[in-house]
Amino acid sequence: MALPFLVDHVREIFARELATIRDDTLRDKAARTWARSMALGGATDLWADLPFSVTMNVRKPGLGVEHVRGVTHLALSIADALAVAHGVSPDRDVIAAGALLHDVGKLLERAAPERHALAGSLMQHEFSGVHLGMEEGLPAGVLHIIAYHFIIGERVRRTLECDIVYRADLASLEALARRELGKTAAECFPYVYLPRQP
């Protein structure tokens, strides 16, 4: 279903990030998943159409792409630092693909409900993102990251790869909220930062 020109567009916008995925098949599936999201969500240009946040009132072209790029590079840097500091070997391809695709469902979350059964505000982007990834045959580790990269993952046991992407996502969110709105992420998303119940 992903149109070739959309796949080409994704490969152009996320060239550096796709290049961090060593496995050719996974790299191709990642590009096709973004293109499928664009097609179903009615997007033609990721730079203009990908939102940074669906709840924060920031409509700045390129901010969503900047966030996805930032999360991908932050996550890989965290993985490298953990390997040096603690001798662990998280799967870099799973991290790169999961970080690149963590917000792939946002194009559907922003789309009009009549475009697709998963479009509109009733389905969070984590759910629609997993659906898109399953349609393209993404591996379970990448789907796990898409599903649990944000608050929805607070009650599950995340893989190390997912936890790395989760923390990179929060760091990028914090930096961009402060730069663009002059507020902390906690001020923008108070429901995310509620104290945990005993």
N, C-alpha and C. Protein backbone atom coordinates (compact mmCIF):
# COMPACT_ATOMS: atom_id res chain seq x y z
N MET A 1 0.80 -1.19 0.00
CA MET A 1 0.00 0.00 0.00
C MET A 1 0.85 1.26 0.00
N ALA A 2 2.03 1.22 0.60
CA ALA A 2 2.89 2.40 0.65
C ALA A 2 3.34 2.76 -0.76
N LEU A 3 3.02 3.95 -1.18
CA LEU A 3 3.37 4.38 -2.52
C LEU A 3 4.87 4.63 -2.62
N PRO A 4 5.47 4.24 -3.77
CA PRO A 4 6.92 4.37 -3.92
C PRO A 4 7.44 5.78 -3.66
N PHE A 5 6.70 6.82 -4.09
CA PHE A 5 7.20 8.18 -3.87
C PHE A 5 7.19 8.55 -2.39
N LEU A 6 6.28 7.95 -1.61
CA LEU A 6 6.28 8.19 -0.17
C LEU A 6 7.46 7.49 0.49
N VAL A 7 7.77 6.28 0.05
CA VAL A 7 8.94 5.57 0.57
C VAL A 7 10.19 6.38 0.27
N ASP A 8 10.29 6.90 -0.94
CA ASP A 8 11.45 7.73 -1.31
C ASP A 8 11.53 8.97 -0.42
N HIS A 9 10.40 9.58 -0.15
CA HIS A 9 10.36 10.76 0.72
C HIS A 9 10.86 10.42 2.12
N VAL A 10 10.40 9.30 2.67
CA VAL A 10 10.84 8.86 3.99
C VAL A 10 12.35 8.62 3.98
N ARG A 11 12.84 7.97 2.95
CA ARG A 11 14.28 7.70 2.85
C ARG A 11 15.10 8.98 2.77
N GLU A 12 14.53 10.00 2.19
CA GLU A 12 15.22 11.29 2.11
C GLU A 12 15.19 12.01 3.46
N ILE A 13 14.03 12.09 4.08
CA ILE A 13 13.88 12.81 5.35
C ILE A 13 14.68 12.14 6.47
N PHE A 14 14.62 10.82 6.54
CA PHE A 14 15.27 10.08 7.62
C PHE A 14 16.49 9.29 7.12
N ALA A 15 17.24 9.85 6.19
CA ALA A 15 18.39 9.15 5.61
C ALA A 15 19.42 8.75 6.67
N ARG A 16 19.82 9.67 7.51
CA ARG A 16 20.83 9.37 8.54
C ARG A 16 20.33 8.33 9.53
N GLU A 17 19.08 8.44 9.91
CA GLU A 17 18.52 7.52 10.89
C GLU A 17 18.35 6.12 10.31
N LEU A 18 17.87 6.03 9.09
CA LEU A 18 17.74 4.73 8.43
C LEU A 18 19.11 4.07 8.26
N ALA A 19 20.13 4.87 8.01
CA ALA A 19 21.49 4.33 7.82
C ALA A 19 22.03 3.68 9.09
N THR A 20 21.47 3.99 10.24
CA THR A 20 21.93 3.36 11.49
C THR A 20 21.38 1.95 11.66
N ILE A 21 20.41 1.58 10.84
CA ILE A 21 19.84 0.22 10.88
C ILE A 21 20.66 -0.64 9.92
N ARG A 22 21.39 -1.59 10.46
CA ARG A 22 22.31 -2.40 9.64
C ARG A 22 21.59 -3.43 8.79
N ASP A 23 20.51 -3.99 9.31
CA ASP A 23 19.78 -5.03 8.59
C ASP A 23 18.96 -4.42 7.46
N ASP A 24 19.26 -4.82 6.22
CA ASP A 24 18.59 -4.24 5.05
C ASP A 24 17.08 -4.43 5.08
N THR A 25 16.63 -5.61 5.49
CA THR A 25 15.20 -5.90 5.53
C THR A 25 14.49 -5.02 6.56
N LEU A 26 15.08 -4.90 7.73
CA LEU A 26 14.48 -4.06 8.77
C LEU A 26 14.48 -2.59 8.35
N ARG A 27 15.55 -2.15 7.72
CA ARG A 27 15.62 -0.76 7.24
C ARG A 27 14.50 -0.50 6.24
N ASP A 28 14.28 -1.44 5.31
CA ASP A 28 13.23 -1.28 4.31
C ASP A 28 11.84 -1.28 4.96
N LYS A 29 11.63 -2.17 5.92
CA LYS A 29 10.34 -2.22 6.62
C LYS A 29 10.08 -0.93 7.39
N ALA A 30 11.11 -0.36 7.98
CA ALA A 30 10.95 0.90 8.71
C ALA A 30 10.51 2.01 7.76
N ALA A 31 11.15 2.11 6.61
CA ALA A 31 10.77 3.14 5.63
C ALA A 31 9.34 2.92 5.14
N ARG A 32 8.99 1.66 4.87
CA ARG A 32 7.64 1.36 4.39
C ARG A 32 6.58 1.63 5.45
N THR A 33 6.92 1.42 6.72
CA THR A 33 5.97 1.69 7.79
C THR A 33 5.65 3.18 7.87
N TRP A 34 6.67 4.02 7.77
CA TRP A 34 6.42 5.47 7.74
C TRP A 34 5.59 5.84 6.51
N ALA A 35 5.91 5.27 5.35
CA ALA A 35 5.16 5.59 4.13
C ALA A 35 3.71 5.15 4.24
N ARG A 36 3.46 3.99 4.86
CA ARG A 36 2.09 3.51 5.07
C ARG A 36 1.34 4.49 5.98
N SER A 37 1.98 4.96 7.02
CA SER A 37 1.35 5.92 7.91
C SER A 37 1.00 7.20 7.17
N MET A 38 1.90 7.65 6.32
CA MET A 38 1.64 8.85 5.52
C MET A 38 0.43 8.64 4.62
N ALA A 39 0.40 7.51 3.93
CA ALA A 39 -0.69 7.23 2.99
C ALA A 39 -2.04 7.17 3.71
N LEU A 40 -2.09 6.45 4.83
CA LEU A 40 -3.35 6.31 5.56
C LEU A 40 -3.77 7.60 6.25
N GLY A 41 -2.79 8.38 6.68
CA GLY A 41 -3.09 9.63 7.38
C GLY A 41 -3.28 10.83 6.48
N GLY A 42 -3.05 10.64 5.17
CA GLY A 42 -3.22 11.74 4.23
C GLY A 42 -2.07 12.72 4.23
N ALA A 43 -0.91 12.31 4.72
CA ALA A 43 0.27 13.18 4.76
C ALA A 43 1.05 13.06 3.45
N THR A 44 1.63 14.15 3.03
CA THR A 44 2.45 14.14 1.81
C THR A 44 3.87 14.59 2.08
N ASP A 45 4.10 15.22 3.23
CA ASP A 45 5.42 15.76 3.55
C ASP A 45 5.63 15.64 5.06
N LEU A 46 6.55 14.78 5.46
CA LEU A 46 6.79 14.59 6.89
C LEU A 46 7.21 15.89 7.57
N TRP A 47 8.00 16.70 6.89
CA TRP A 47 8.48 17.95 7.47
C TRP A 47 7.29 18.83 7.88
N ALA A 48 6.30 18.89 7.02
CA ALA A 48 5.13 19.75 7.28
C ALA A 48 4.05 19.06 8.10
N ASP A 49 3.91 17.75 7.95
CA ASP A 49 2.74 17.05 8.49
C ASP A 49 2.94 16.31 9.80
N LEU A 50 4.18 15.95 10.15
CA LEU A 50 4.40 15.17 11.37
C LEU A 50 4.40 16.09 12.59
N PRO A 51 3.42 15.93 13.48
CA PRO A 51 3.39 16.79 14.67
C PRO A 51 4.43 16.36 15.69
N PHE A 52 4.92 17.32 16.43
CA PHE A 52 5.81 17.02 17.56
C PHE A 52 5.00 16.38 18.68
N SER A 53 3.88 16.98 18.97
CA SER A 53 3.00 16.49 20.03
C SER A 53 1.57 16.76 19.60
N VAL A 54 0.70 15.82 19.89
CA VAL A 54 -0.70 16.05 19.55
C VAL A 54 -1.43 16.79 20.67
N THR A 55 -0.80 16.92 21.84
CA THR A 55 -1.44 17.61 22.95
C THR A 55 -0.84 18.98 23.23
N MET A 56 0.42 19.19 22.91
CA MET A 56 1.04 20.50 23.12
C MET A 56 0.68 21.39 21.94
N ASN A 57 0.44 22.64 22.20
CA ASN A 57 0.04 23.57 21.16
C ASN A 57 1.26 24.16 20.46
N VAL A 58 1.98 23.29 19.75
CA VAL A 58 3.16 23.72 18.99
C VAL A 58 2.99 23.21 17.57
N ARG A 59 2.73 24.10 16.63
CA ARG A 59 2.57 23.72 15.22
C ARG A 59 3.71 24.35 14.43
N LYS A 60 4.88 23.80 14.57
CA LYS A 60 6.06 24.32 13.89
C LYS A 60 6.55 23.27 12.91
N PRO A 61 6.56 23.58 11.61
CA PRO A 61 7.03 22.60 10.63
C PRO A 61 8.44 22.10 10.97
N GLY A 62 8.60 20.80 10.87
CA GLY A 62 9.90 20.19 11.10
C GLY A 62 10.16 19.75 12.52
N LEU A 63 9.35 20.19 13.47
CA LEU A 63 9.60 19.86 14.87
C LEU A 63 9.38 18.37 15.15
N GLY A 64 8.37 17.77 14.51
CA GLY A 64 8.14 16.34 14.68
C GLY A 64 9.30 15.52 14.12
N VAL A 65 9.81 15.93 12.96
CA VAL A 65 10.96 15.25 12.37
C VAL A 65 12.19 15.43 13.26
N GLU A 66 12.40 16.65 13.75
CA GLU A 66 13.53 16.91 14.64
C GLU A 66 13.46 16.02 15.88
N HIS A 67 12.26 15.87 16.43
CA HIS A 67 12.08 15.03 17.61
C HIS A 67 12.42 13.57 17.31
N VAL A 68 11.91 13.03 16.21
CA VAL A 68 12.19 11.63 15.86
C VAL A 68 13.69 11.43 15.62
N ARG A 69 14.29 12.36 14.90
CA ARG A 69 15.74 12.27 14.69
C ARG A 69 16.49 12.32 16.02
N GLY A 70 16.10 13.25 16.87
CA GLY A 70 16.76 13.39 18.17
C GLY A 70 16.63 12.15 19.02
N VAL A 71 15.44 11.58 19.08
CA VAL A 71 15.22 10.37 19.88
C VAL A 71 16.08 9.23 19.34
N THR A 72 16.16 9.10 18.04
CA THR A 72 16.96 8.03 17.44
C THR A 72 18.43 8.16 17.83
N HIS A 73 18.99 9.35 17.67
CA HIS A 73 20.42 9.54 17.97
C HIS A 73 20.70 9.52 19.47
N LEU A 74 19.80 10.07 20.27
CA LEU A 74 19.97 9.97 21.73
C LEU A 74 19.94 8.52 22.18
N ALA A 75 18.99 7.74 21.68
CA ALA A 75 18.87 6.34 22.08
C ALA A 75 20.12 5.54 21.73
N LEU A 76 20.64 5.76 20.53
CA LEU A 76 21.86 5.04 20.14
C LEU A 76 23.05 5.47 20.98
N SER A 77 23.11 6.75 21.34
CA SER A 77 24.18 7.23 22.21
C SER A 77 24.08 6.61 23.61
N ILE A 78 22.87 6.50 24.12
CA ILE A 78 22.67 5.85 25.42
C ILE A 78 23.10 4.39 25.35
N ALA A 79 22.72 3.70 24.28
CA ALA A 79 23.11 2.29 24.11
C ALA A 79 24.63 2.15 24.09
N ASP A 80 25.30 3.04 23.37
CA ASP A 80 26.77 2.99 23.31
C ASP A 80 27.38 3.25 24.68
N ALA A 81 26.84 4.23 25.40
CA ALA A 81 27.36 4.55 26.73
C ALA A 81 27.15 3.39 27.70
N LEU A 82 26.00 2.73 27.63
CA LEU A 82 25.74 1.58 28.49
C LEU A 82 26.68 0.42 28.17
N ALA A 83 26.99 0.24 26.90
CA ALA A 83 27.92 -0.82 26.51
C ALA A 83 29.31 -0.56 27.10
N VAL A 84 29.76 0.68 27.05
CA VAL A 84 31.08 1.03 27.60
C VAL A 84 31.07 0.98 29.12
N ALA A 85 30.05 1.56 29.73
CA ALA A 85 30.01 1.67 31.19
C ALA A 85 29.69 0.36 31.89
N HIS A 86 28.83 -0.46 31.28
CA HIS A 86 28.33 -1.64 31.99
C HIS A 86 28.49 -2.96 31.24
N GLY A 87 29.05 -2.91 30.05
CA GLY A 87 29.29 -4.13 29.31
C GLY A 87 28.05 -4.83 28.79
N VAL A 88 26.93 -4.12 28.71
CA VAL A 88 25.72 -4.71 28.15
C VAL A 88 25.70 -4.49 26.64
N SER A 89 24.97 -5.33 25.94
CA SER A 89 24.93 -5.24 24.48
C SER A 89 23.49 -5.18 23.98
N PRO A 90 22.83 -4.05 24.15
CA PRO A 90 21.47 -3.95 23.61
C PRO A 90 21.50 -4.04 22.09
N ASP A 91 20.42 -4.50 21.51
CA ASP A 91 20.32 -4.67 20.06
C ASP A 91 20.17 -3.30 19.40
N ARG A 92 21.24 -2.85 18.75
CA ARG A 92 21.25 -1.51 18.15
C ARG A 92 20.24 -1.38 17.01
N ASP A 93 20.04 -2.43 16.24
CA ASP A 93 19.05 -2.34 15.16
C ASP A 93 17.64 -2.18 15.71
N VAL A 94 17.32 -2.91 16.75
CA VAL A 94 16.00 -2.79 17.38
C VAL A 94 15.83 -1.39 17.96
N ILE A 95 16.88 -0.87 18.60
CA ILE A 95 16.82 0.49 19.15
C ILE A 95 16.64 1.51 18.04
N ALA A 96 17.46 1.41 16.98
CA ALA A 96 17.39 2.39 15.88
C ALA A 96 16.02 2.36 15.21
N ALA A 97 15.52 1.17 14.89
CA ALA A 97 14.22 1.06 14.23
C ALA A 97 13.09 1.49 15.17
N GLY A 98 13.16 1.06 16.42
CA GLY A 98 12.12 1.44 17.38
C GLY A 98 12.08 2.93 17.64
N ALA A 99 13.24 3.54 17.78
CA ALA A 99 13.29 4.99 18.00
C ALA A 99 12.79 5.74 16.77
N LEU A 100 13.21 5.30 15.60
CA LEU A 100 12.76 5.94 14.36
C LEU A 100 11.25 5.84 14.20
N LEU A 101 10.67 4.74 14.65
CA LEU A 101 9.24 4.49 14.45
C LEU A 101 8.37 4.77 15.67
N HIS A 102 8.96 5.24 16.76
CA HIS A 102 8.17 5.36 17.99
C HIS A 102 6.94 6.25 17.83
N ASP A 103 7.00 7.25 16.98
CA ASP A 103 5.86 8.16 16.77
C ASP A 103 5.19 7.97 15.42
N VAL A 104 5.39 6.83 14.77
CA VAL A 104 4.84 6.61 13.43
C VAL A 104 3.32 6.70 13.40
N GLY A 105 2.67 6.41 14.51
CA GLY A 105 1.21 6.47 14.56
C GLY A 105 0.65 7.88 14.69
N LYS A 106 1.50 8.87 14.92
CA LYS A 106 0.99 10.24 15.10
C LYS A 106 0.30 10.79 13.86
N LEU A 107 0.70 10.32 12.69
CA LEU A 107 0.04 10.81 11.47
C LEU A 107 -1.41 10.34 11.41
N LEU A 108 -1.70 9.18 12.00
CA LEU A 108 -3.09 8.71 12.07
C LEU A 108 -3.83 9.38 13.22
N GLU A 109 -3.13 9.62 14.31
CA GLU A 109 -3.75 10.25 15.48
C GLU A 109 -4.28 11.65 15.11
N ARG A 110 -3.60 12.30 14.19
CA ARG A 110 -3.97 13.64 13.76
C ARG A 110 -4.96 13.64 12.59
N ALA A 111 -5.14 12.49 11.94
CA ALA A 111 -5.98 12.41 10.74
C ALA A 111 -7.46 12.41 11.10
N ALA A 112 -8.27 12.76 10.12
CA ALA A 112 -9.72 12.73 10.30
C ALA A 112 -10.17 11.28 10.48
N PRO A 113 -11.09 11.02 11.40
CA PRO A 113 -11.52 9.65 11.69
C PRO A 113 -12.01 8.87 10.47
N GLU A 114 -12.56 9.54 9.48
CA GLU A 114 -13.07 8.82 8.31
C GLU A 114 -11.95 8.28 7.40
N ARG A 115 -10.71 8.68 7.63
CA ARG A 115 -9.60 8.21 6.79
C ARG A 115 -9.27 6.74 7.04
N HIS A 116 -9.41 6.29 8.28
CA HIS A 116 -9.01 4.93 8.64
C HIS A 116 -9.62 4.60 10.00
N ALA A 117 -9.83 3.32 10.25
CA ALA A 117 -10.43 2.89 11.52
C ALA A 117 -9.58 3.31 12.72
N LEU A 118 -8.26 3.44 12.53
CA LEU A 118 -7.38 3.83 13.64
C LEU A 118 -7.10 5.32 13.68
N ALA A 119 -7.71 6.08 12.78
CA ALA A 119 -7.46 7.53 12.73
C ALA A 119 -8.29 8.26 13.77
N GLY A 120 -7.80 9.41 14.16
CA GLY A 120 -8.53 10.27 15.08
C GLY A 120 -8.05 10.13 16.51
N SER A 121 -8.66 10.89 17.37
CA SER A 121 -8.19 11.00 18.75
C SER A 121 -8.58 9.83 19.65
N LEU A 122 -9.41 8.91 19.19
CA LEU A 122 -9.80 7.79 20.04
C LEU A 122 -8.69 6.76 20.21
N MET A 123 -7.77 6.69 19.26
CA MET A 123 -6.66 5.74 19.34
C MET A 123 -5.35 6.50 19.48
N GLN A 124 -4.65 6.25 20.57
CA GLN A 124 -3.35 6.87 20.75
C GLN A 124 -2.38 6.33 19.71
N HIS A 125 -1.34 7.13 19.45
CA HIS A 125 -0.40 6.76 18.39
C HIS A 125 0.36 5.48 18.68
N GLU A 126 0.47 5.08 19.93
CA GLU A 126 1.13 3.82 20.24
C GLU A 126 0.36 2.64 19.63
N PHE A 127 -0.97 2.67 19.72
CA PHE A 127 -1.79 1.59 19.19
C PHE A 127 -1.75 1.56 17.66
N SER A 128 -1.97 2.72 17.05
CA SER A 128 -1.97 2.75 15.58
C SER A 128 -0.57 2.45 15.05
N GLY A 129 0.46 2.88 15.77
CA GLY A 129 1.83 2.59 15.35
C GLY A 129 2.14 1.10 15.34
N VAL A 130 1.69 0.40 16.38
CA VAL A 130 1.87 -1.06 16.42
C VAL A 130 1.13 -1.72 15.26
N HIS A 131 -0.08 -1.27 15.00
CA HIS A 131 -0.86 -1.83 13.88
C HIS A 131 -0.11 -1.64 12.56
N LEU A 132 0.39 -0.43 12.32
CA LEU A 132 1.14 -0.17 11.09
C LEU A 132 2.37 -1.06 11.00
N GLY A 133 3.09 -1.19 12.12
CA GLY A 133 4.29 -2.02 12.14
C GLY A 133 4.00 -3.49 11.91
N MET A 134 2.89 -3.97 12.46
CA MET A 134 2.51 -5.37 12.24
C MET A 134 2.18 -5.61 10.78
N GLU A 135 1.52 -4.65 10.14
CA GLU A 135 1.20 -4.79 8.72
C GLU A 135 2.46 -4.90 7.87
N GLU A 136 3.54 -4.29 8.30
CA GLU A 136 4.80 -4.36 7.55
C GLU A 136 5.71 -5.49 8.03
N GLY A 137 5.28 -6.24 9.03
CA GLY A 137 6.06 -7.38 9.50
C GLY A 137 7.26 -7.02 10.36
N LEU A 138 7.16 -5.93 11.12
CA LEU A 138 8.26 -5.56 12.02
C LEU A 138 8.42 -6.60 13.12
N PRO A 139 9.65 -6.81 13.60
CA PRO A 139 9.86 -7.78 14.67
C PRO A 139 9.27 -7.31 16.00
N ALA A 140 9.02 -8.27 16.88
CA ALA A 140 8.36 -8.00 18.16
C ALA A 140 9.10 -6.96 19.00
N GLY A 141 10.42 -6.98 18.99
CA GLY A 141 11.19 -6.02 19.78
C GLY A 141 10.94 -4.58 19.36
N VAL A 142 10.77 -4.35 18.07
CA VAL A 142 10.48 -3.01 17.56
C VAL A 142 9.03 -2.63 17.90
N LEU A 143 8.11 -3.57 17.73
CA LEU A 143 6.71 -3.32 18.08
C LEU A 143 6.57 -2.99 19.57
N HIS A 144 7.34 -3.67 20.40
CA HIS A 144 7.34 -3.42 21.85
C HIS A 144 7.72 -1.97 22.14
N ILE A 145 8.73 -1.46 21.44
CA ILE A 145 9.15 -0.07 21.63
C ILE A 145 8.05 0.89 21.20
N ILE A 146 7.46 0.65 20.04
CA ILE A 146 6.38 1.53 19.56
C ILE A 146 5.23 1.54 20.58
N ALA A 147 4.92 0.37 21.11
CA ALA A 147 3.78 0.25 22.04
C ALA A 147 4.04 0.91 23.38
N TYR A 148 5.25 0.78 23.91
CA TYR A 148 5.49 1.14 25.30
C TYR A 148 6.52 2.25 25.49
N HIS A 149 6.70 3.09 24.48
CA HIS A 149 7.72 4.14 24.58
C HIS A 149 7.30 5.33 25.42
N PHE A 150 6.05 5.39 25.85
CA PHE A 150 5.61 6.55 26.62
C PHE A 150 4.83 6.08 27.84
N ILE A 151 3.99 6.90 28.36
CA ILE A 151 3.30 6.66 29.63
C ILE A 151 2.52 5.35 29.64
N ILE A 152 2.03 4.95 28.48
CA ILE A 152 1.26 3.71 28.39
C ILE A 152 2.10 2.50 28.83
N GLY A 153 3.42 2.64 28.79
CA GLY A 153 4.30 1.55 29.17
C GLY A 153 4.70 1.51 30.63
N GLU A 154 4.09 2.37 31.44
CA GLU A 154 4.48 2.44 32.85
C GLU A 154 4.14 1.18 33.64
N ARG A 155 3.19 0.41 33.19
CA ARG A 155 2.75 -0.76 33.95
C ARG A 155 3.20 -2.09 33.33
N VAL A 156 4.15 -2.03 32.42
CA VAL A 156 4.67 -3.26 31.81
C VAL A 156 6.17 -3.33 32.05
N ARG A 157 6.70 -4.50 31.85
CA ARG A 157 8.14 -4.67 31.96
C ARG A 157 8.74 -4.40 30.58
N ARG A 158 9.42 -3.28 30.46
CA ARG A 158 10.04 -2.91 29.19
C ARG A 158 11.34 -3.68 28.99
N THR A 159 11.64 -3.97 27.72
CA THR A 159 12.96 -4.50 27.39
C THR A 159 13.98 -3.38 27.61
N LEU A 160 15.25 -3.73 27.68
CA LEU A 160 16.29 -2.71 27.81
C LEU A 160 16.24 -1.76 26.62
N GLU A 161 16.04 -2.31 25.43
CA GLU A 161 15.96 -1.48 24.23
C GLU A 161 14.81 -0.48 24.32
N CYS A 162 13.67 -0.94 24.80
CA CYS A 162 12.50 -0.06 24.95
C CYS A 162 12.75 1.00 26.02
N ASP A 163 13.36 0.61 27.12
CA ASP A 163 13.64 1.57 28.18
C ASP A 163 14.59 2.66 27.69
N ILE A 164 15.55 2.29 26.87
CA ILE A 164 16.49 3.27 26.30
C ILE A 164 15.73 4.27 25.43
N VAL A 165 14.86 3.78 24.56
CA VAL A 165 14.09 4.69 23.69
C VAL A 165 13.15 5.55 24.53
N TYR A 166 12.53 4.97 25.54
CA TYR A 166 11.65 5.72 26.44
C TYR A 166 12.39 6.91 27.05
N ARG A 167 13.58 6.67 27.56
CA ARG A 167 14.35 7.74 28.20
C ARG A 167 14.83 8.78 27.19
N ALA A 168 15.19 8.34 26.00
CA ALA A 168 15.58 9.28 24.94
C ALA A 168 14.39 10.13 24.52
N ASP A 169 13.22 9.53 24.45
CA ASP A 169 12.00 10.26 24.10
C ASP A 169 11.71 11.34 25.14
N LEU A 170 11.81 11.00 26.42
CA LEU A 170 11.57 11.98 27.48
C LEU A 170 12.59 13.11 27.44
N ALA A 171 13.86 12.77 27.18
CA ALA A 171 14.90 13.81 27.12
C ALA A 171 14.64 14.77 25.96
N SER A 172 14.28 14.24 24.81
CA SER A 172 13.97 15.09 23.66
C SER A 172 12.73 15.93 23.93
N LEU A 173 11.71 15.32 24.49
CA LEU A 173 10.48 16.04 24.84
C LEU A 173 10.78 17.19 25.79
N GLU A 174 11.60 16.93 26.80
CA GLU A 174 11.96 17.96 27.78
C GLU A 174 12.71 19.11 27.12
N ALA A 175 13.68 18.79 26.30
CA ALA A 175 14.48 19.83 25.64
C ALA A 175 13.62 20.69 24.71
N LEU A 176 12.76 20.05 23.92
CA LEU A 176 11.94 20.80 22.98
C LEU A 176 10.83 21.59 23.67
N ALA A 177 10.27 21.06 24.76
CA ALA A 177 9.25 21.81 25.51
C ALA A 177 9.86 23.08 26.09
N ARG A 178 11.06 22.97 26.62
CA ARG A 178 11.72 24.15 27.19
C ARG A 178 12.08 25.16 26.10
N ARG A 179 12.61 24.66 24.98
CA ARG A 179 13.02 25.57 23.91
C ARG A 179 11.83 26.24 23.24
N GLU A 180 10.80 25.47 22.93
CA GLU A 180 9.68 26.00 22.15
C GLU A 180 8.62 26.72 22.99
N LEU A 181 8.40 26.25 24.22
CA LEU A 181 7.32 26.81 25.05
C LEU A 181 7.80 27.50 26.32
N GLY A 182 9.09 27.32 26.63
CA GLY A 182 9.60 27.89 27.87
C GLY A 182 9.02 27.22 29.11
N LYS A 183 8.57 25.98 28.95
CA LYS A 183 7.98 25.22 30.06
C LYS A 183 8.68 23.87 30.17
N THR A 184 8.59 23.28 31.36
CA THR A 184 9.09 21.92 31.51
C THR A 184 8.06 20.94 30.95
N ALA A 185 8.51 19.73 30.71
CA ALA A 185 7.58 18.70 30.24
C ALA A 185 6.50 18.44 31.29
N ALA A 186 6.85 18.52 32.56
CA ALA A 186 5.87 18.32 33.63
C ALA A 186 4.78 19.38 33.59
N GLU A 187 5.14 20.60 33.21
CA GLU A 187 4.13 21.65 33.08
C GLU A 187 3.24 21.42 31.86
N CYS A 188 3.81 20.85 30.81
CA CYS A 188 3.04 20.58 29.59
C CYS A 188 2.18 19.33 29.71
N PHE A 189 2.69 18.34 30.44
CA PHE A 189 2.01 17.05 30.58
C PHE A 189 1.86 16.69 32.05
N PRO A 190 1.08 17.42 32.82
CA PRO A 190 1.01 17.12 34.26
C PRO A 190 0.50 15.72 34.56
N TYR A 191 -0.35 15.17 33.69
CA TYR A 191 -0.88 13.82 33.91
C TYR A 191 0.19 12.75 33.79
N VAL A 192 1.29 13.04 33.11
CA VAL A 192 2.38 12.08 32.96
C VAL A 192 3.24 12.06 34.22
N TYR A 193 3.32 13.18 34.89
CA TYR A 193 4.25 13.33 36.00
C TYR A 193 3.56 13.29 37.37
N LEU A 194 2.43 12.63 37.44
CA LEU A 194 1.74 12.47 38.72
C LEU A 194 2.56 11.55 39.62
N PRO A 195 2.57 11.81 40.93
CA PRO A 195 3.28 10.90 41.83
C PRO A 195 2.65 9.51 41.77
N ARG A 196 3.49 8.50 41.84
CA ARG A 196 2.99 7.12 41.83
C ARG A 196 2.30 6.79 43.14
N GLN A 197 1.26 6.01 43.02
CA GLN A 197 0.54 5.55 44.20
C GLN A 197 1.28 4.37 44.81
N PRO A 198 1.30 4.29 46.15
CA PRO A 198 2.01 3.15 46.79
C PRO A 198 1.35 1.83 46.50
